[in-house]
Amino acid sequence: MNATIIALLGYITWTLLLLVALAIYRTDLVMKRKKAPNAFKADGSDSPPFGQRLTRAQANCVESFAFIGGLLLFSLATNSTMVTNDFAYVLLLARFGQSISHLVSTSVLAVQIRFVFFLIQVAICLYWVGMFGLKFIGL
């Protein structure tokens, strides 16, 4: 397995783990009769603070999959993993960092740290887009 495959599988696994954590969290609220099963808002805004952060961390993974997962899949589909392999692990670690900082706090410092992790992911993806442009379009 190469770094691109591991990063893609890691990203999907992380997203699923956050989803399972959210399901367990919400099930616990229902079992303790703090929320009705049909009373959860999709954005988590009606949950306690940790529930809101967990909901947003999981949603951020899903929202970012369009460009992160898309580029990793594009790389695999075009046999171009030499473009993505070098930074695939960095991107995955930045995704973990963004999610974990989201779960820990919403303080100004935590939000700034989370944004840095997001910018790392965006920068890597923009680099990959440029490299794919050079490879396939000859820009």
C-alpha atoms as a PDB file:
ATOM      1  CA  MET A   1       0.000   0.000   0.000  1.00  0.00           C
ATOM      2  CA  ASN A   2       1.220   3.490  -0.725  1.00  0.00           C
ATOM      3  CA  ALA A   3       0.761   6.688   1.270  1.00  0.00           C
ATOM      4  CA  THR A   4      -2.178   7.855  -0.849  1.00  0.00           C
ATOM      5  CA  ILE A   5      -4.158   4.676  -0.189  1.00  0.00           C
ATOM      6  CA  ILE A   6      -3.375   4.780   3.530  1.00  0.00           C
ATOM      7  CA  ALA A   7      -4.324   8.467   3.770  1.00  0.00           C
ATOM      8  CA  LEU A   8      -7.607   7.875   1.944  1.00  0.00           C
ATOM      9  CA  LEU A   9      -8.454   4.891   4.132  1.00  0.00           C
ATOM     10  CA  GLY A  10      -7.367   6.834   7.223  1.00  0.00           C
ATOM     11  CA  TYR A  11      -9.547   9.806   6.285  1.00  0.00           C
ATOM     12  CA  ILE A  12     -12.588   7.600   5.718  1.00  0.00           C
ATOM     13  CA  THR A  13     -11.937   5.686   8.935  1.00  0.00           C
ATOM     14  CA  TRP A  14     -11.563   8.920  10.920  1.00  0.00           C
ATOM     15  CA  THR A  15     -14.839  10.240   9.519  1.00  0.00           C
ATOM     16  CA  LEU A  16     -16.567   6.985  10.452  1.00  0.00           C
ATOM     17  CA  LEU A  17     -15.078   7.016  13.962  1.00  0.00           C
ATOM     18  CA  LEU A  18     -16.403  10.525  14.515  1.00  0.00           C
ATOM     19  CA  LEU A  19     -19.801   9.426  13.207  1.00  0.00           C
ATOM     20  CA  VAL A  20     -19.870   6.442  15.574  1.00  0.00           C
ATOM     21  CA  ALA A  21     -18.796   8.686  18.464  1.00  0.00           C
ATOM     22  CA  LEU A  22     -21.635  11.056  17.593  1.00  0.00           C
ATOM     23  CA  ALA A  23     -24.119   8.182  17.463  1.00  0.00           C
ATOM     24  CA  ILE A  24     -22.949   6.913  20.856  1.00  0.00           C
ATOM     25  CA  TYR A  25     -23.097  10.431  22.310  1.00  0.00           C
ATOM     26  CA  ARG A  26     -26.643  10.996  21.055  1.00  0.00           C
ATOM     27  CA  THR A  27     -27.773   7.522  22.110  1.00  0.00           C
ATOM     28  CA  ASP A  28     -26.504   8.268  25.599  1.00  0.00           C
ATOM     29  CA  LEU A  29     -28.542  11.491  25.705  1.00  0.00           C
ATOM     30  CA  VAL A  30     -31.641   9.570  24.592  1.00  0.00           C
ATOM     31  CA  MET A  31     -31.099   6.743  27.081  1.00  0.00           C
ATOM     32  CA  LYS A  32     -30.723   9.273  29.905  1.00  0.00           C
ATOM     33  CA  ARG A  33     -33.930  10.918  28.680  1.00  0.00           C
ATOM     34  CA  LYS A  34     -32.188  14.251  28.114  1.00  0.00           C
ATOM     35  CA  LYS A  35     -33.285  14.316  24.450  1.00  0.00           C
ATOM     36  CA  ALA A  36     -35.992  12.644  22.412  1.00  0.00           C
ATOM     37  CA  PRO A  37     -34.691  10.476  19.554  1.00  0.00           C
ATOM     38  CA  ASN A  38     -36.359  12.730  16.994  1.00  0.00           C
ATOM     39  CA  ALA A  39     -35.348  16.026  18.609  1.00  0.00           C
ATOM     40  CA  PHE A  40     -31.776  16.403  17.363  1.00  0.00           C
ATOM     41  CA  LYS A  41     -31.025  19.178  14.915  1.00  0.00           C
ATOM     42  CA  ALA A  42     -28.709  18.103  12.107  1.00  0.00           C
ATOM     43  CA  ASP A  43     -26.188  20.844  12.909  1.00  0.00           C
ATOM     44  CA  GLY A  44     -26.022  19.877  16.588  1.00  0.00           C
ATOM     45  CA  SER A  45     -26.982  23.377  17.710  1.00  0.00           C
ATOM     46  CA  ASP A  46     -29.469  22.000  20.232  1.00  0.00           C
ATOM     47  CA  SER A  47     -26.924  19.713  21.904  1.00  0.00           C
ATOM     48  CA  PRO A  48     -24.653  20.418  24.864  1.00  0.00           C
ATOM     49  CA  PRO A  49     -21.355  22.126  23.905  1.00  0.00           C
ATOM     50  CA  PHE A  50     -19.367  18.906  23.383  1.00  0.00           C
ATOM     51  CA  GLY A  51     -22.166  17.515  21.215  1.00  0.00           C
ATOM     52  CA  GLN A  52     -22.080  20.644  19.087  1.00  0.00           C
ATOM     53  CA  ARG A  53     -18.311  20.355  18.651  1.00  0.00           C
ATOM     54  CA  LEU A  54     -18.504  16.635  17.858  1.00  0.00           C
ATOM     55  CA  THR A  55     -21.240  17.256  15.292  1.00  0.00           C
ATOM     56  CA  ARG A  56     -19.216  20.002  13.607  1.00  0.00           C
ATOM     57  CA  ALA A  57     -15.968  17.990  13.667  1.00  0.00           C
ATOM     58  CA  GLN A  58     -17.686  15.103  11.899  1.00  0.00           C
ATOM     59  CA  ALA A  59     -19.442  17.432   9.460  1.00  0.00           C
ATOM     60  CA  ASN A  60     -16.133  19.172   8.667  1.00  0.00           C
ATOM     61  CA  CYS A  61     -14.673  15.816   7.641  1.00  0.00           C
ATOM     62  CA  VAL A  62     -17.629  15.127   5.362  1.00  0.00           C
ATOM     63  CA  GLU A  63     -17.529  18.641   3.871  1.00  0.00           C
ATOM     64  CA  SER A  64     -13.808  18.454   3.147  1.00  0.00           C
ATOM     65  CA  PHE A  65     -13.994  14.997   1.601  1.00  0.00           C
ATOM     66  CA  ALA A  66     -15.173  16.513  -1.678  1.00  0.00           C
ATOM     67  CA  PHE A  67     -11.782  18.065  -2.348  1.00  0.00           C
ATOM     68  CA  ILE A  68      -9.471  15.930  -0.193  1.00  0.00           C
ATOM     69  CA  GLY A  69     -10.983  12.543  -0.970  1.00  0.00           C
ATOM     70  CA  GLY A  70     -11.636  13.649  -4.528  1.00  0.00           C
ATOM     71  CA  LEU A  71      -7.985  14.454  -5.135  1.00  0.00           C
ATOM     72  CA  LEU A  72      -6.791  11.251  -3.480  1.00  0.00           C
ATOM     73  CA  LEU A  73      -9.236   9.227  -5.589  1.00  0.00           C
ATOM     74  CA  PHE A  74      -8.232  11.163  -8.722  1.00  0.00           C
ATOM     75  CA  SER A  75      -4.618  10.345  -7.982  1.00  0.00           C
ATOM     76  CA  LEU A  76      -5.403   6.642  -7.658  1.00  0.00           C
ATOM     77  CA  ALA A  77      -7.663   6.587 -10.723  1.00  0.00           C
ATOM     78  CA  THR A  78      -5.021   8.204 -12.918  1.00  0.00           C
ATOM     79  CA  ASN A  79      -2.114   6.209 -11.510  1.00  0.00           C
ATOM     80  CA  SER A  80      -0.615   9.486 -10.251  1.00  0.00           C
ATOM     81  CA  THR A  81       0.096   8.693  -6.625  1.00  0.00           C
ATOM     82  CA  MET A  82       3.584  10.103  -7.080  1.00  0.00           C
ATOM     83  CA  VAL A  83       1.846  13.488  -6.880  1.00  0.00           C
ATOM     84  CA  THR A  84       0.000  12.802  -3.622  1.00  0.00           C
ATOM     85  CA  ASN A  85       2.247  10.348  -1.769  1.00  0.00           C
ATOM     86  CA  ASP A  86       4.730  12.923  -0.429  1.00  0.00           C
ATOM     87  CA  PHE A  87       2.148  14.948   1.503  1.00  0.00           C
ATOM     88  CA  ALA A  88      -0.604  12.369   2.044  1.00  0.00           C
ATOM     89  CA  TYR A  89       0.386  11.657   5.651  1.00  0.00           C
ATOM     90  CA  VAL A  90       0.848  15.347   6.429  1.00  0.00           C
ATOM     91  CA  LEU A  91      -2.650  16.020   5.143  1.00  0.00           C
ATOM     92  CA  LEU A  92      -4.097  13.178   7.222  1.00  0.00           C
ATOM     93  CA  LEU A  93      -2.316  14.391  10.356  1.00  0.00           C
ATOM     94  CA  ALA A  94      -3.601  17.914   9.715  1.00  0.00           C
ATOM     95  CA  ARG A  95      -7.135  16.483   9.423  1.00  0.00           C
ATOM     96  CA  PHE A  96      -6.694  14.691  12.761  1.00  0.00           C
ATOM     97  CA  GLY A  97      -5.338  17.887  14.294  1.00  0.00           C
ATOM     98  CA  GLN A  98      -8.242  19.957  13.009  1.00  0.00           C
ATOM     99  CA  SER A  99     -10.820  17.517  14.359  1.00  0.00           C
ATOM    100  CA  ILE A 100      -9.134  17.048  17.723  1.00  0.00           C
ATOM    101  CA  SER A 101      -8.694  20.776  18.277  1.00  0.00           C
ATOM    102  CA  HIS A 102     -12.371  21.182  17.376  1.00  0.00           C
ATOM    103  CA  LEU A 103     -13.363  18.580  19.972  1.00  0.00           C
ATOM    104  CA  VAL A 104     -11.184  20.021  22.729  1.00  0.00           C
ATOM    105  CA  SER A 105     -12.224  23.669  22.776  1.00  0.00           C
ATOM    106  CA  THR A 106     -13.757  26.658  21.051  1.00  0.00           C
ATOM    107  CA  SER A 107     -11.386  29.142  22.676  1.00  0.00           C
ATOM    108  CA  VAL A 108      -9.766  31.731  20.433  1.00  0.00           C
ATOM    109  CA  LEU A 109      -6.458  29.842  20.516  1.00  0.00           C
ATOM    110  CA  ALA A 110      -8.120  26.505  19.693  1.00  0.00           C
ATOM    111  CA  VAL A 111     -10.004  28.061  16.775  1.00  0.00           C
ATOM    112  CA  GLN A 112      -6.771  29.585  15.459  1.00  0.00           C
ATOM    113  CA  ILE A 113      -4.979  26.237  15.766  1.00  0.00           C
ATOM    114  CA  ARG A 114      -7.877  24.515  14.004  1.00  0.00           C
ATOM    115  CA  PHE A 115      -7.698  27.075  11.209  1.00  0.00           C
ATOM    116  CA  VAL A 116      -3.957  26.463  10.760  1.00  0.00           C
ATOM    117  CA  PHE A 117      -4.648  22.727  10.394  1.00  0.00           C
ATOM    118  CA  PHE A 118      -7.348  23.539   7.825  1.00  0.00           C
ATOM    119  CA  LEU A 119      -5.001  25.840   5.896  1.00  0.00           C
ATOM    120  CA  ILE A 120      -2.379  23.090   5.759  1.00  0.00           C
ATOM    121  CA  GLN A 121      -4.934  20.800   4.120  1.00  0.00           C
ATOM    122  CA  VAL A 122      -6.035  23.458   1.655  1.00  0.00           C
ATOM    123  CA  ALA A 123      -2.432  24.334   0.767  1.00  0.00           C
ATOM    124  CA  ILE A 124      -1.577  20.685   0.117  1.00  0.00           C
ATOM    125  CA  CYS A 125      -4.675  20.254  -2.044  1.00  0.00           C
ATOM    126  CA  LEU A 126      -3.893  23.402  -4.035  1.00  0.00           C
ATOM    127  CA  TYR A 127      -0.357  22.103  -4.552  1.00  0.00           C
ATOM    128  CA  TRP A 128      -1.751  18.788  -5.779  1.00  0.00           C
ATOM    129  CA  VAL A 129      -4.146  20.563  -8.154  1.00  0.00           C
ATOM    130  CA  GLY A 130      -1.189  22.502  -9.559  1.00  0.00           C
ATOM    131  CA  MET A 131       0.853  19.324  -9.960  1.00  0.00           C
ATOM    132  CA  PHE A 132      -2.039  17.566 -11.689  1.00  0.00           C
ATOM    133  CA  GLY A 133      -2.427  20.604 -13.931  1.00  0.00           C
ATOM    134  CA  LEU A 134       1.228  20.349 -14.915  1.00  0.00           C
ATOM    135  CA  LYS A 135       0.977  16.614 -15.500  1.00  0.00           C
ATOM    136  CA  PHE A 136      -2.276  16.463 -17.455  1.00  0.00           C
ATOM    137  CA  ILE A 137      -2.778  19.899 -18.959  1.00  0.00           C
ATOM    138  CA  GLY A 138       0.792  21.030 -19.308  1.00  0.00           C
ATOM    139  CA  LEU A 139       0.275  24.321 -17.498  1.00  0.00           C
END
